[in-house]
Amino acid sequence: MDAFANMLLLIGVWLAAIATAAKLLERLGVGRLPGDGVLRDRDFGFCSPIGLALLLSLVFALYSRLPAAM
């Protein structure tokens, strides 16, 4: 049971870190790239971050090309 509780705690910490990083990047202007779509209504909001997904894909692809010695 302790391993399960530790796993849940770790997942919670990671989710909090990701949410904090997302808010920080949004304040820096990274959340509104060309290609991102936002639909808003009175009680509904939908965000489609296609530009951000492409940028992150490019960064991770370039990172995976780095030699293992770095």
C-alpha atoms as a PDB file:
ATOM      1  CA  MET A   1       0.000   0.000   0.000  1.00  0.00           C
ATOM      2  CA  ASP A   2       2.895   2.379   0.630  1.00  0.00           C
ATOM      3  CA  ALA A   3       4.143   2.028  -2.945  1.00  0.00           C
ATOM      4  CA  PHE A   4       0.696   2.943  -4.285  1.00  0.00           C
ATOM      5  CA  ALA A   5       0.470   5.990  -2.017  1.00  0.00           C
ATOM      6  CA  ASN A   6       3.952   7.111  -3.092  1.00  0.00           C
ATOM      7  CA  MET A   7       2.982   6.716  -6.749  1.00  0.00           C
ATOM      8  CA  LEU A   8      -0.159   8.828  -6.264  1.00  0.00           C
ATOM      9  CA  LEU A   9       1.848  11.485  -4.458  1.00  0.00           C
ATOM     10  CA  LEU A  10       4.426  11.558  -7.242  1.00  0.00           C
ATOM     11  CA  ILE A  11       1.713  11.881  -9.886  1.00  0.00           C
ATOM     12  CA  GLY A  12       0.161  14.776  -7.951  1.00  0.00           C
ATOM     13  CA  VAL A  13       3.492  16.569  -7.657  1.00  0.00           C
ATOM     14  CA  TRP A  14       4.165  16.125 -11.396  1.00  0.00           C
ATOM     15  CA  LEU A  15       0.715  17.442 -12.307  1.00  0.00           C
ATOM     16  CA  ALA A  16       1.222  20.481 -10.079  1.00  0.00           C
ATOM     17  CA  ALA A  17       4.631  21.133 -11.663  1.00  0.00           C
ATOM     18  CA  ILE A  18       3.204  20.835 -15.176  1.00  0.00           C
ATOM     19  CA  ALA A  19       0.319  23.189 -14.357  1.00  0.00           C
ATOM     20  CA  THR A  20       2.723  25.718 -12.838  1.00  0.00           C
ATOM     21  CA  ALA A  21       5.021  25.531 -15.866  1.00  0.00           C
ATOM     22  CA  ALA A  22       2.052  25.946 -18.218  1.00  0.00           C
ATOM     23  CA  LYS A  23       0.880  29.074 -16.393  1.00  0.00           C
ATOM     24  CA  LEU A  24       4.420  30.491 -16.413  1.00  0.00           C
ATOM     25  CA  LEU A  25       4.829  29.821 -20.138  1.00  0.00           C
ATOM     26  CA  GLU A  26       1.432  31.389 -20.798  1.00  0.00           C
ATOM     27  CA  ARG A  27       2.527  34.570 -19.021  1.00  0.00           C
ATOM     28  CA  LEU A  28       5.669  34.634 -21.161  1.00  0.00           C
ATOM     29  CA  GLY A  29       3.554  34.429 -24.321  1.00  0.00           C
ATOM     30  CA  VAL A  30       4.393  30.872 -25.352  1.00  0.00           C
ATOM     31  CA  GLY A  31       0.788  29.720 -25.045  1.00  0.00           C
ATOM     32  CA  ARG A  32      -0.382  31.866 -27.960  1.00  0.00           C
ATOM     33  CA  LEU A  33       1.597  30.731 -30.957  1.00  0.00           C
ATOM     34  CA  PRO A  34       0.453  30.980 -34.577  1.00  0.00           C
ATOM     35  CA  GLY A  35      -1.701  27.941 -35.271  1.00  0.00           C
ATOM     36  CA  ASP A  36      -3.276  27.845 -31.815  1.00  0.00           C
ATOM     37  CA  GLY A  37      -7.046  28.031 -31.825  1.00  0.00           C
ATOM     38  CA  VAL A  38      -9.361  29.177 -29.041  1.00  0.00           C
ATOM     39  CA  LEU A  39     -13.145  29.024 -29.029  1.00  0.00           C
ATOM     40  CA  ARG A  40     -14.976  30.764 -26.207  1.00  0.00           C
ATOM     41  CA  ASP A  41     -18.626  31.075 -25.335  1.00  0.00           C
ATOM     42  CA  ARG A  42     -20.386  32.168 -22.170  1.00  0.00           C
ATOM     43  CA  ASP A  43     -20.020  28.813 -20.418  1.00  0.00           C
ATOM     44  CA  PHE A  44     -17.714  26.880 -22.750  1.00  0.00           C
ATOM     45  CA  GLY A  45     -14.086  27.181 -23.738  1.00  0.00           C
ATOM     46  CA  PHE A  46     -11.976  25.050 -26.063  1.00  0.00           C
ATOM     47  CA  CYS A  47      -8.273  25.437 -26.779  1.00  0.00           C
ATOM     48  CA  SER A  48      -6.454  23.648 -29.604  1.00  0.00           C
ATOM     49  CA  PRO A  49      -2.696  24.279 -29.177  1.00  0.00           C
ATOM     50  CA  ILE A  50      -1.508  22.921 -32.538  1.00  0.00           C
ATOM     51  CA  GLY A  51       1.349  25.440 -32.843  1.00  0.00           C
ATOM     52  CA  LEU A  52       2.643  24.599 -29.371  1.00  0.00           C
ATOM     53  CA  ALA A  53       2.410  20.875 -30.104  1.00  0.00           C
ATOM     54  CA  LEU A  54       4.480  21.321 -33.267  1.00  0.00           C
ATOM     55  CA  LEU A  55       7.072  23.395 -31.417  1.00  0.00           C
ATOM     56  CA  LEU A  56       7.388  20.839 -28.611  1.00  0.00           C
ATOM     57  CA  SER A  57       7.617  18.024 -31.148  1.00  0.00           C
ATOM     58  CA  LEU A  58      10.472  19.810 -32.882  1.00  0.00           C
ATOM     59  CA  VAL A  59      12.310  20.441 -29.598  1.00  0.00           C
ATOM     60  CA  PHE A  60      11.980  16.813 -28.487  1.00  0.00           C
ATOM     61  CA  ALA A  61      13.040  15.523 -31.905  1.00  0.00           C
ATOM     62  CA  LEU A  62      16.161  17.688 -31.863  1.00  0.00           C
ATOM     63  CA  TYR A  63      16.884  16.641 -28.274  1.00  0.00           C
ATOM     64  CA  SER A  64      16.655  12.970 -29.208  1.00  0.00           C
ATOM     65  CA  ARG A  65      19.256  13.541 -31.947  1.00  0.00           C
ATOM     66  CA  LEU A  66      21.877  14.715 -29.449  1.00  0.00           C
ATOM     67  CA  PRO A  67      24.690  12.280 -28.708  1.00  0.00           C
ATOM     68  CA  ALA A  68      24.365  10.317 -25.476  1.00  0.00           C
ATOM     69  CA  ALA A  69      27.650  11.783 -24.176  1.00  0.00           C
ATOM     70  CA  MET A  70      26.114  15.245 -23.706  1.00  0.00           C
END
